[in-house]
């Protein structure tokens, strides 16, 4: 009986920090300046285009989309992704990290 009570107490003590809601210092986000806002927009554009390309490729491979539809859509999406990547590259002055991503990018 004592061992069971001790086991329950240990589980409660270990789990308590995970069950509590952390108290943030503040709930507000720092405002973004214009360059940060522009960079965030470019990252979102790039991510949307790459995601759409991935989905289009999947649909083409599974036969959901015909070859003609694929060819018609893929060029536009590739240009959109390339434009966003080039703009991001210009924003960071061409500096890239060891993985080929623009420096300062957090993924």
PDB file of N, CA and C in Angstrom:
ATOM      1  N   UNK A   1       0.817  -1.175   0.000  1.00  0.00           N
ATOM      2  CA  UNK A   1       0.000   0.000   0.000  1.00  0.00           C
ATOM      3  C   UNK A   1       0.880   1.266   0.000  1.00  0.00           C
ATOM      4  N   UNK A   2       1.905   1.235   0.831  1.00  0.00           N
ATOM      5  CA  UNK A   2       2.798   2.386   0.907  1.00  0.00           C
ATOM      6  C   UNK A   2       3.540   2.544  -0.423  1.00  0.00           C
ATOM      7  N   UNK A   3       3.940   1.441  -1.040  1.00  0.00           N
ATOM      8  CA  UNK A   3       4.655   1.488  -2.317  1.00  0.00           C
ATOM      9  C   UNK A   3       3.761   2.079  -3.411  1.00  0.00           C
ATOM     10  N   UNK A   4       2.482   1.725  -3.428  1.00  0.00           N
ATOM     11  CA  UNK A   4       1.550   2.258  -4.424  1.00  0.00           C
ATOM     12  C   UNK A   4       1.367   3.757  -4.224  1.00  0.00           C
ATOM     13  N   UNK A   5       1.225   4.186  -2.989  1.00  0.00           N
ATOM     14  CA  UNK A   5       1.066   5.612  -2.697  1.00  0.00           C
ATOM     15  C   UNK A   5       2.327   6.382  -3.075  1.00  0.00           C
ATOM     16  N   UNK A   6       3.473   5.792  -2.806  1.00  0.00           N
ATOM     17  CA  UNK A   6       4.739   6.424  -3.166  1.00  0.00           C
ATOM     18  C   UNK A   6       4.886   6.523  -4.691  1.00  0.00           C
ATOM     19  N   UNK A   7       4.476   5.471  -5.417  1.00  0.00           N
ATOM     20  CA  UNK A   7       4.545   5.478  -6.883  1.00  0.00           C
ATOM     21  C   UNK A   7       3.627   6.557  -7.455  1.00  0.00           C
ATOM     22  N   UNK A   8       2.425   6.677  -6.945  1.00  0.00           N
ATOM     23  CA  UNK A   8       1.487   7.704  -7.407  1.00  0.00           C
ATOM     24  C   UNK A   8       2.045   9.087  -7.110  1.00  0.00           C
ATOM     25  N   UNK A   9       2.614   9.283  -5.942  1.00  0.00           N
ATOM     26  CA  UNK A   9       3.191  10.576  -5.582  1.00  0.00           C
ATOM     27  C   UNK A   9       4.348  10.925  -6.523  1.00  0.00           C
ATOM     28  N   UNK A  10       5.177   9.961  -6.849  1.00  0.00           N
ATOM     29  CA  UNK A  10       6.297  10.209  -7.770  1.00  0.00           C
ATOM     30  C   UNK A  10       5.798  10.592  -9.160  1.00  0.00           C
ATOM     31  N   UNK A  11       4.772   9.906  -9.644  1.00  0.00           N
ATOM     32  CA  UNK A  11       4.215  10.219 -10.963  1.00  0.00           C
ATOM     33  C   UNK A  11       3.643  11.634 -10.965  1.00  0.00           C
ATOM     34  N   UNK A  12       2.941  12.005  -9.924  1.00  0.00           N
ATOM     35  CA  UNK A  12       2.358  13.345  -9.838  1.00  0.00           C
ATOM     36  C   UNK A  12       3.454  14.401  -9.796  1.00  0.00           C
ATOM     37  N   UNK A  13       4.502  14.192  -9.020  1.00  0.00           N
ATOM     38  CA  UNK A  13       5.586  15.166  -8.901  1.00  0.00           C
ATOM     39  C   UNK A  13       6.308  15.324 -10.239  1.00  0.00           C
ATOM     40  N   UNK A  14       6.535  14.220 -10.941  1.00  0.00           N
ATOM     41  CA  UNK A  14       7.224  14.292 -12.226  1.00  0.00           C
ATOM     42  C   UNK A  14       6.337  14.938 -13.290  1.00  0.00           C
ATOM     43  N   UNK A  15       5.051  14.649 -13.281  1.00  0.00           N
ATOM     44  CA  UNK A  15       4.145  15.150 -14.318  1.00  0.00           C
ATOM     45  C   UNK A  15       3.694  16.582 -14.078  1.00  0.00           C
ATOM     46  N   UNK A  16       3.785  17.090 -12.875  1.00  0.00           N
ATOM     47  CA  UNK A  16       3.268  18.421 -12.544  1.00  0.00           C
ATOM     48  C   UNK A  16       3.834  19.546 -13.421  1.00  0.00           C
ATOM     49  N   UNK A  17       5.135  19.606 -13.695  1.00  0.00           N
ATOM     50  CA  UNK A  17       5.630  20.680 -14.558  1.00  0.00           C
ATOM     51  C   UNK A  17       5.061  20.626 -15.982  1.00  0.00           C
ATOM     52  N   UNK A  18       4.738  19.438 -16.454  1.00  0.00           N
ATOM     53  CA  UNK A  18       4.193  19.303 -17.799  1.00  0.00           C
ATOM     54  C   UNK A  18       2.712  19.667 -17.857  1.00  0.00           C
ATOM     55  N   UNK A  19       2.031  19.611 -16.748  1.00  0.00           N
ATOM     56  CA  UNK A  19       0.598  19.897 -16.713  1.00  0.00           C
ATOM     57  C   UNK A  19       0.298  21.372 -16.477  1.00  0.00           C
ATOM     58  N   UNK A  20       1.254  22.102 -15.945  1.00  0.00           N
ATOM     59  CA  UNK A  20       1.047  23.532 -15.690  1.00  0.00           C
ATOM     60  C   UNK A  20       1.184  24.352 -16.958  1.00  0.00           C
ATOM     61  N   UNK A  21       0.385  25.372 -17.082  1.00  0.00           N
ATOM     62  CA  UNK A  21       0.468  26.301 -18.204  1.00  0.00           C
ATOM     63  C   UNK A  21       1.580  27.300 -17.902  1.00  0.00           C
ATOM     64  N   UNK A  22       2.535  27.483 -18.816  1.00  0.00           N
ATOM     65  CA  UNK A  22       3.606  28.441 -18.541  1.00  0.00           C
ATOM     66  C   UNK A  22       3.067  29.872 -18.511  1.00  0.00           C
ATOM     67  N   UNK A  23       3.655  30.667 -17.655  1.00  0.00           N
ATOM     68  CA  UNK A  23       3.257  32.073 -17.542  1.00  0.00           C
ATOM     69  C   UNK A  23       4.164  32.913 -18.432  1.00  0.00           C
ATOM     70  N   UNK A  24       3.635  33.414 -19.554  1.00  0.00           N
ATOM     71  CA  UNK A  24       4.468  34.246 -20.418  1.00  0.00           C
ATOM     72  C   UNK A  24       4.689  35.615 -19.795  1.00  0.00           C
ATOM     73  N   UNK A  25       5.828  36.216 -20.141  1.00  0.00           N
ATOM     74  CA  UNK A  25       6.093  37.556 -19.654  1.00  0.00           C
ATOM     75  C   UNK A  25       5.117  38.542 -20.283  1.00  0.00           C
ATOM     76  N   UNK A  26       4.819  38.318 -21.552  1.00  0.00           N
ATOM     77  CA  UNK A  26       3.873  39.172 -22.251  1.00  0.00           C
ATOM     78  C   UNK A  26       3.275  38.382 -23.408  1.00  0.00           C
ATOM     79  N   UNK A  27       2.062  38.741 -23.790  1.00  0.00           N
ATOM     80  CA  UNK A  27       1.388  38.059 -24.897  1.00  0.00           C
ATOM     81  C   UNK A  27       1.540  38.806 -26.219  1.00  0.00           C
ATOM     82  N   UNK A  28       2.179  39.958 -26.194  1.00  0.00           N
ATOM     83  CA  UNK A  28       2.268  40.752 -27.407  1.00  0.00           C
ATOM     84  C   UNK A  28       3.528  40.396 -28.189  1.00  0.00           C
ATOM     85  N   UNK A  29       3.416  40.494 -29.500  1.00  0.00           N
ATOM     86  CA  UNK A  29       4.562  40.266 -30.370  1.00  0.00           C
ATOM     87  C   UNK A  29       5.202  41.602 -30.700  1.00  0.00           C
ATOM     88  N   UNK A  30       6.497  41.582 -30.906  1.00  0.00           N
ATOM     89  CA  UNK A  30       7.181  42.800 -31.309  1.00  0.00           C
ATOM     90  C   UNK A  30       6.751  43.157 -32.730  1.00  0.00           C
ATOM     91  N   UNK A  31       6.536  44.426 -32.997  1.00  0.00           N
ATOM     92  CA  UNK A  31       6.138  44.809 -34.351  1.00  0.00           C
ATOM     93  C   UNK A  31       7.282  44.564 -35.339  1.00  0.00           C
ATOM     94  N   UNK A  32       6.918  44.172 -36.555  1.00  0.00           N
ATOM     95  CA  UNK A  32       7.911  43.916 -37.597  1.00  0.00           C
ATOM     96  C   UNK A  32       8.202  45.203 -38.349  1.00  0.00           C
ATOM     97  N   UNK A  33       9.473  45.412 -38.668  1.00  0.00           N
ATOM     98  CA  UNK A  33       9.771  46.567 -39.512  1.00  0.00           C
ATOM     99  C   UNK A  33       9.517  46.165 -40.969  1.00  0.00           C
ATOM    100  N   UNK A  34       9.658  47.102 -41.877  1.00  0.00           N
ATOM    101  CA  UNK A  34       9.287  46.872 -43.276  1.00  0.00           C
ATOM    102  C   UNK A  34      10.114  45.765 -43.923  1.00  0.00           C
ATOM    103  N   UNK A  35      11.415  45.702 -43.636  1.00  0.00           N
ATOM    104  CA  UNK A  35      12.249  44.664 -44.246  1.00  0.00           C
ATOM    105  C   UNK A  35      11.889  43.276 -43.723  1.00  0.00           C
ATOM    106  N   UNK A  36      11.575  43.170 -42.429  1.00  0.00           N
ATOM    107  CA  UNK A  36      11.158  41.885 -41.867  1.00  0.00           C
ATOM    108  C   UNK A  36       9.816  41.453 -42.450  1.00  0.00           C
ATOM    109  N   UNK A  37       8.917  42.405 -42.605  1.00  0.00           N
ATOM    110  CA  UNK A  37       7.607  42.107 -43.169  1.00  0.00           C
ATOM    111  C   UNK A  37       7.750  41.615 -44.623  1.00  0.00           C
ATOM    112  N   UNK A  38       8.599  42.292 -45.398  1.00  0.00           N
ATOM    113  CA  UNK A  38       8.830  41.909 -46.790  1.00  0.00           C
ATOM    114  C   UNK A  38       9.451  40.514 -46.869  1.00  0.00           C
ATOM    115  N   UNK A  39      10.401  40.240 -46.001  1.00  0.00           N
ATOM    116  CA  UNK A  39      11.044  38.922 -45.968  1.00  0.00           C
ATOM    117  C   UNK A  39      10.043  37.831 -45.613  1.00  0.00           C
ATOM    118  N   UNK A  40       9.174  38.101 -44.659  1.00  0.00           N
ATOM    119  CA  UNK A  40       8.148  37.135 -44.270  1.00  0.00           C
ATOM    120  C   UNK A  40       7.189  36.875 -45.424  1.00  0.00           C
ATOM    121  N   UNK A  41       6.800  37.921 -46.143  1.00  0.00           N
ATOM    122  CA  UNK A  41       5.929  37.747 -47.311  1.00  0.00           C
ATOM    123  C   UNK A  41       6.605  36.898 -48.377  1.00  0.00           C
ATOM    124  N   UNK A  42       7.887  37.137 -48.606  1.00  0.00           N
ATOM    125  CA  UNK A  42       8.617  36.348 -49.602  1.00  0.00           C
ATOM    126  C   UNK A  42       8.740  34.883 -49.178  1.00  0.00           C
ATOM    127  N   UNK A  43       8.992  34.654 -47.913  1.00  0.00           N
ATOM    128  CA  UNK A  43       9.073  33.278 -47.419  1.00  0.00           C
ATOM    129  C   UNK A  43       7.730  32.565 -47.574  1.00  0.00           C
ATOM    130  N   UNK A  44       6.643  33.264 -47.285  1.00  0.00           N
ATOM    131  CA  UNK A  44       5.319  32.665 -47.437  1.00  0.00           C
ATOM    132  C   UNK A  44       5.014  32.373 -48.903  1.00  0.00           C
ATOM    133  N   UNK A  45       5.383  33.289 -49.795  1.00  0.00           N
ATOM    134  CA  UNK A  45       5.174  33.070 -51.225  1.00  0.00           C
ATOM    135  C   UNK A  45       5.967  31.863 -51.700  1.00  0.00           C
ATOM    136  N   UNK A  46       7.218  31.786 -51.284  1.00  0.00           N
ATOM    137  CA  UNK A  46       8.058  30.649 -51.657  1.00  0.00           C
ATOM    138  C   UNK A  46       7.466  29.340 -51.157  1.00  0.00           C
ATOM    139  N   UNK A  47       7.051  29.332 -49.896  1.00  0.00           N
ATOM    140  CA  UNK A  47       6.506  28.108 -49.317  1.00  0.00           C
ATOM    141  C   UNK A  47       5.214  27.675 -50.003  1.00  0.00           C
ATOM    142  N   UNK A  48       4.350  28.646 -50.323  1.00  0.00           N
ATOM    143  CA  UNK A  48       3.103  28.315 -51.022  1.00  0.00           C
ATOM    144  C   UNK A  48       3.391  27.733 -52.400  1.00  0.00           C
ATOM    145  N   UNK A  49       4.307  28.346 -53.138  1.00  0.00           N
ATOM    146  CA  UNK A  49       4.630  27.872 -54.488  1.00  0.00           C
ATOM    147  C   UNK A  49       5.255  26.479 -54.442  1.00  0.00           C
ATOM    148  N   UNK A  50       6.172  26.254 -53.517  1.00  0.00           N
ATOM    149  CA  UNK A  50       6.811  24.946 -53.422  1.00  0.00           C
ATOM    150  C   UNK A  50       5.820  23.872 -52.978  1.00  0.00           C
ATOM    151  N   UNK A  51       4.919  24.237 -52.095  1.00  0.00           N
ATOM    152  CA  UNK A  51       3.885  23.297 -51.668  1.00  0.00           C
ATOM    153  C   UNK A  51       2.946  22.960 -52.824  1.00  0.00           C
ATOM    154  N   UNK A  52       2.558  23.975 -53.589  1.00  0.00           N
ATOM    155  CA  UNK A  52       1.694  23.738 -54.742  1.00  0.00           C
ATOM    156  C   UNK A  52       2.402  22.879 -55.787  1.00  0.00           C
ATOM    157  N   UNK A  53       3.704  23.115 -55.988  1.00  0.00           N
ATOM    158  CA  UNK A  53       4.476  22.287 -56.914  1.00  0.00           C
ATOM    159  C   UNK A  53       4.517  20.828 -56.456  1.00  0.00           C
ATOM    160  N   UNK A  54       4.702  20.642 -55.180  1.00  0.00           N
ATOM    161  CA  UNK A  54       4.743  19.286 -54.629  1.00  0.00           C
ATOM    162  C   UNK A  54       3.403  18.583 -54.818  1.00  0.00           C
ATOM    163  N   UNK A  55       2.329  19.291 -54.558  1.00  0.00           N
ATOM    164  CA  UNK A  55       0.997  18.721 -54.722  1.00  0.00           C
ATOM    165  C   UNK A  55       0.703  18.441 -56.196  1.00  0.00           C
ATOM    166  N   UNK A  56       1.098  19.357 -57.074  1.00  0.00           N
ATOM    167  CA  UNK A  56       0.898  19.171 -58.504  1.00  0.00           C
ATOM    168  C   UNK A  56       1.668  17.950 -59.003  1.00  0.00           C
ATOM    169  N   UNK A  57       2.898  17.802 -58.554  1.00  0.00           N
ATOM    170  CA  UNK A  57       3.716  16.650 -58.938  1.00  0.00           C
ATOM    171  C   UNK A  57       3.077  15.355 -58.463  1.00  0.00           C
ATOM    172  N   UNK A  58       2.569  15.356 -57.240  1.00  0.00           N
ATOM    173  CA  UNK A  58       1.901  14.169 -56.708  1.00  0.00           C
ATOM    174  C   UNK A  58       0.664  13.830 -57.537  1.00  0.00           C
ATOM    175  N   UNK A  59      -0.157  14.840 -57.828  1.00  0.00           N
ATOM    176  CA  UNK A  59      -1.363  14.615 -58.624  1.00  0.00           C
ATOM    177  C   UNK A  59      -1.024  14.105 -60.015  1.00  0.00           C
ATOM    178  N   UNK A  60       0.040  14.612 -60.593  1.00  0.00           N
ATOM    179  CA  UNK A  60       0.451  14.156 -61.922  1.00  0.00           C
ATOM    180  C   UNK A  60       0.915  12.704 -61.878  1.00  0.00           C
ATOM    181  N   UNK A  61       1.680  12.360 -60.867  1.00  0.00           N
ATOM    182  CA  UNK A  61       2.187  10.982 -60.756  1.00  0.00           C
ATOM    183  C   UNK A  61       1.070   9.983 -60.485  1.00  0.00           C
ATOM    184  N   UNK A  62       0.043  10.411 -59.768  1.00  0.00           N
ATOM    185  CA  UNK A  62      -1.069   9.496 -59.475  1.00  0.00           C
ATOM    186  C   UNK A  62      -2.101   9.475 -60.581  1.00  0.00           C
ATOM    187  N   UNK A  63      -1.931  10.334 -61.604  1.00  0.00           N
ATOM    188  CA  UNK A  63      -2.851  10.328 -62.728  1.00  0.00           C
ATOM    189  C   UNK A  63      -4.069  11.199 -62.545  1.00  0.00           C
ATOM    190  N   UNK A  64      -4.119  11.968 -61.488  1.00  0.00           N
ATOM    191  CA  UNK A  64      -5.247  12.865 -61.250  1.00  0.00           C
ATOM    192  C   UNK A  64      -5.249  14.023 -62.236  1.00  0.00           C
ATOM    193  N   UNK A  65      -4.066  14.441 -62.665  1.00  0.00           N
ATOM    194  CA  UNK A  65      -3.917  15.564 -63.590  1.00  0.00           C
ATOM    195  C   UNK A  65      -3.282  15.042 -64.881  1.00  0.00           C
ATOM    196  N   UNK A  66      -3.817  15.480 -66.011  1.00  0.00           N
ATOM    197  CA  UNK A  66      -3.277  15.050 -67.302  1.00  0.00           C
ATOM    198  C   UNK A  66      -1.938  15.721 -67.560  1.00  0.00           C
ATOM    199  N   UNK A  67      -1.211  15.207 -68.531  1.00  0.00           N
ATOM    200  CA  UNK A  67       0.093  15.772 -68.896  1.00  0.00           C
ATOM    201  C   UNK A  67      -0.039  17.218 -69.359  1.00  0.00           C
ATOM    202  N   UNK A  68      -1.080  17.502 -70.135  1.00  0.00           N
ATOM    203  CA  UNK A  68      -1.279  18.868 -70.622  1.00  0.00           C
ATOM    204  C   UNK A  68      -1.549  19.843 -69.487  1.00  0.00           C
ATOM    205  N   UNK A  69      -2.407  19.447 -68.552  1.00  0.00           N
ATOM    206  CA  UNK A  69      -2.695  20.313 -67.405  1.00  0.00           C
ATOM    207  C   UNK A  69      -1.438  20.516 -66.552  1.00  0.00           C
ATOM    208  N   UNK A  70      -0.680  19.442 -66.392  1.00  0.00           N
ATOM    209  CA  UNK A  70       0.554  19.535 -65.617  1.00  0.00           C
ATOM    210  C   UNK A  70       1.512  20.531 -66.254  1.00  0.00           C
ATOM    211  N   UNK A  71       1.742  20.397 -67.554  1.00  0.00           N
ATOM    212  CA  UNK A  71       2.649  21.311 -68.253  1.00  0.00           C
ATOM    213  C   UNK A  71       2.159  22.753 -68.189  1.00  0.00           C
ATOM    214  N   UNK A  72       0.863  22.947 -68.261  1.00  0.00           N
ATOM    215  CA  UNK A  72       0.299  24.291 -68.221  1.00  0.00           C
ATOM    216  C   UNK A  72       0.500  24.941 -66.838  1.00  0.00           C
ATOM    217  N   UNK A  73       0.418  24.164 -65.778  1.00  0.00           N
ATOM    218  CA  UNK A  73       0.481  24.721 -64.422  1.00  0.00           C
ATOM    219  C   UNK A  73       1.892  24.775 -63.842  1.00  0.00           C
ATOM    220  N   UNK A  74       2.742  23.838 -64.221  1.00  0.00           N
ATOM    221  CA  UNK A  74       4.043  23.728 -63.573  1.00  0.00           C
ATOM    222  C   UNK A  74       4.925  24.939 -63.856  1.00  0.00           C
ATOM    223  N   UNK A  75       4.867  25.472 -65.057  1.00  0.00           N
ATOM    224  CA  UNK A  75       5.707  26.624 -65.395  1.00  0.00           C
ATOM    225  C   UNK A  75       5.404  27.840 -64.539  1.00  0.00           C
ATOM    226  N   UNK A  76       4.127  28.114 -64.366  1.00  0.00           N
ATOM    227  CA  UNK A  76       3.720  29.261 -63.548  1.00  0.00           C
ATOM    228  C   UNK A  76       4.192  29.108 -62.109  1.00  0.00           C
ATOM    229  N   UNK A  77       4.010  27.915 -61.555  1.00  0.00           N
ATOM    230  CA  UNK A  77       4.420  27.692 -60.169  1.00  0.00           C
ATOM    231  C   UNK A  77       5.934  27.759 -60.014  1.00  0.00           C
ATOM    232  N   UNK A  78       6.660  27.228 -60.981  1.00  0.00           N
ATOM    233  CA  UNK A  78       8.121  27.301 -60.911  1.00  0.00           C
ATOM    234  C   UNK A  78       8.609  28.739 -60.994  1.00  0.00           C
ATOM    235  N   UNK A  79       7.987  29.535 -61.874  1.00  0.00           N
ATOM    236  CA  UNK A  79       8.383  30.948 -61.978  1.00  0.00           C
ATOM    237  C   UNK A  79       8.081  31.688 -60.681  1.00  0.00           C
ATOM    238  N   UNK A  80       6.936  31.408 -60.078  1.00  0.00           N
ATOM    239  CA  UNK A  80       6.576  32.058 -58.817  1.00  0.00           C
ATOM    240  C   UNK A  80       7.580  31.702 -57.721  1.00  0.00           C
ATOM    241  N   UNK A  81       7.932  30.434 -57.616  1.00  0.00           N
ATOM    242  CA  UNK A  81       8.911  30.004 -56.609  1.00  0.00           C
ATOM    243  C   UNK A  81      10.275  30.622 -56.891  1.00  0.00           C
ATOM    244  N   UNK A  82      10.685  30.632 -58.161  1.00  0.00           N
ATOM    245  CA  UNK A  82      11.994  31.192 -58.523  1.00  0.00           C
ATOM    246  C   UNK A  82      12.044  32.688 -58.241  1.00  0.00           C
ATOM    247  N   UNK A  83      10.965  33.390 -58.540  1.00  0.00           N
ATOM    248  CA  UNK A  83      10.915  34.828 -58.270  1.00  0.00           C
ATOM    249  C   UNK A  83      11.072  35.099 -56.780  1.00  0.00           C
ATOM    250  N   UNK A  84      10.365  34.339 -55.965  1.00  0.00           N
ATOM    251  CA  UNK A  84      10.473  34.517 -54.512  1.00  0.00           C
ATOM    252  C   UNK A  84      11.875  34.182 -54.028  1.00  0.00           C
ATOM    253  N   UNK A  85      12.475  33.125 -54.562  1.00  0.00           N
ATOM    254  CA  UNK A  85      13.830  32.750 -54.158  1.00  0.00           C
ATOM    255  C   UNK A  85      14.848  33.813 -54.563  1.00  0.00           C
ATOM    256  N   UNK A  86      14.710  34.351 -55.751  1.00  0.00           N
ATOM    257  CA  UNK A  86      15.629  35.410 -56.195  1.00  0.00           C
ATOM    258  C   UNK A  86      15.461  36.666 -55.342  1.00  0.00           C
ATOM    259  N   UNK A  87      14.227  37.005 -55.009  1.00  0.00           N
ATOM    260  CA  UNK A  87      13.986  38.179 -54.170  1.00  0.00           C
ATOM    261  C   UNK A  87      14.570  37.970 -52.774  1.00  0.00           C
ATOM    262  N   UNK A  88      14.413  36.761 -52.234  1.00  0.00           N
ATOM    263  CA  UNK A  88      15.009  36.457 -50.928  1.00  0.00           C
ATOM    264  C   UNK A  88      16.524  36.544 -50.997  1.00  0.00           C
ATOM    265  N   UNK A  89      17.080  36.068 -52.093  1.00  0.00           N
ATOM    266  CA  UNK A  89      18.524  36.126 -52.281  1.00  0.00           C
ATOM    267  C   UNK A  89      19.002  37.583 -52.321  1.00  0.00           C
ATOM    268  N   UNK A  90      18.274  38.436 -53.007  1.00  0.00           N
ATOM    269  CA  UNK A  90      18.640  39.858 -53.058  1.00  0.00           C
ATOM    270  C   UNK A  90      18.498  40.509 -51.681  1.00  0.00           C
ATOM    271  N   UNK A  91      17.487  40.113 -50.936  1.00  0.00           N
ATOM    272  CA  UNK A  91      17.266  40.680 -49.601  1.00  0.00           C
ATOM    273  C   UNK A  91      18.437  40.383 -48.670  1.00  0.00           C
ATOM    274  N   UNK A  92      19.038  39.207 -48.840  1.00  0.00           N
ATOM    275  CA  UNK A  92      20.140  38.806 -47.958  1.00  0.00           C
ATOM    276  C   UNK A  92      21.486  39.022 -48.613  1.00  0.00           C
ATOM    277  N   UNK A  93      21.501  39.738 -49.729  1.00  0.00           N
ATOM    278  CA  UNK A  93      22.742  40.039 -50.468  1.00  0.00           C
ATOM    279  C   UNK A  93      23.489  38.791 -50.895  1.00  0.00           C
ATOM    280  N   UNK A  94      22.759  37.733 -51.151  1.00  0.00           N
ATOM    281  CA  UNK A  94      23.372  36.512 -51.672  1.00  0.00           C
ATOM    282  C   UNK A  94      24.052  35.659 -50.635  1.00  0.00           C
ATOM    283  N   UNK A  95      24.013  36.036 -49.367  1.00  0.00           N
ATOM    284  CA  UNK A  95      24.676  35.250 -48.336  1.00  0.00           C
ATOM    285  C   UNK A  95      23.839  34.010 -48.035  1.00  0.00           C
ATOM    286  N   UNK A  96      24.484  32.838 -48.056  1.00  0.00           N
ATOM    287  CA  UNK A  96      23.796  31.594 -47.766  1.00  0.00           C
ATOM    288  C   UNK A  96      24.556  30.839 -46.688  1.00  0.00           C
ATOM    289  N   UNK A  97      23.808  29.983 -45.971  1.00  0.00           N
ATOM    290  CA  UNK A  97      24.453  29.174 -44.940  1.00  0.00           C
ATOM    291  C   UNK A  97      24.972  27.876 -45.550  1.00  0.00           C
ATOM    292  N   UNK A  98      25.429  26.943 -44.704  1.00  0.00           N
ATOM    293  CA  UNK A  98      26.027  25.708 -45.193  1.00  0.00           C
ATOM    294  C   UNK A  98      25.026  24.793 -45.886  1.00  0.00           C
ATOM    295  N   UNK A  99      23.721  25.008 -45.700  1.00  0.00           N
ATOM    296  CA  UNK A  99      22.702  24.182 -46.341  1.00  0.00           C
ATOM    297  C   UNK A  99      22.156  24.853 -47.597  1.00  0.00           C
ATOM    298  N   UNK A 100      22.696  25.993 -47.985  1.00  0.00           N
ATOM    299  CA  UNK A 100      22.247  26.667 -49.189  1.00  0.00           C
ATOM    300  C   UNK A 100      21.063  27.581 -48.981  1.00  0.00           C
ATOM    301  N   UNK A 101      20.648  27.787 -47.734  1.00  0.00           N
ATOM    302  CA  UNK A 101      19.526  28.680 -47.444  1.00  0.00           C
ATOM    303  C   UNK A 101      20.060  30.072 -47.196  1.00  0.00           C
ATOM    304  N   UNK A 102      19.255  31.101 -47.472  1.00  0.00           N
ATOM    305  CA  UNK A 102      19.694  32.456 -47.150  1.00  0.00           C
ATOM    306  C   UNK A 102      20.013  32.584 -45.663  1.00  0.00           C
ATOM    307  N   UNK A 103      21.074  33.290 -45.329  1.00  0.00           N
ATOM    308  CA  UNK A 103      21.459  33.444 -43.928  1.00  0.00           C
ATOM    309  C   UNK A 103      20.345  34.146 -43.161  1.00  0.00           C
ATOM    310  N   UNK A 104      20.160  33.741 -41.930  1.00  0.00           N
ATOM    311  CA  UNK A 104      19.154  34.341 -41.076  1.00  0.00           C
ATOM    312  C   UNK A 104      17.808  33.654 -41.189  1.00  0.00           C
ATOM    313  N   UNK A 105      17.650  32.733 -42.110  1.00  0.00           N
ATOM    314  CA  UNK A 105      16.379  32.044 -42.265  1.00  0.00           C
ATOM    315  C   UNK A 105      16.253  30.980 -41.193  1.00  0.00           C
ATOM    316  N   UNK A 106      15.123  30.942 -40.562  1.00  0.00           N
ATOM    317  CA  UNK A 106      14.893  29.980 -39.476  1.00  0.00           C
ATOM    318  C   UNK A 106      13.882  28.958 -39.938  1.00  0.00           C
ATOM    319  N   UNK A 107      14.374  27.741 -40.154  1.00  0.00           N
ATOM    320  CA  UNK A 107      13.470  26.671 -40.556  1.00  0.00           C
ATOM    321  C   UNK A 107      13.649  25.525 -39.589  1.00  0.00           C
TER     322      UNK A 107
END
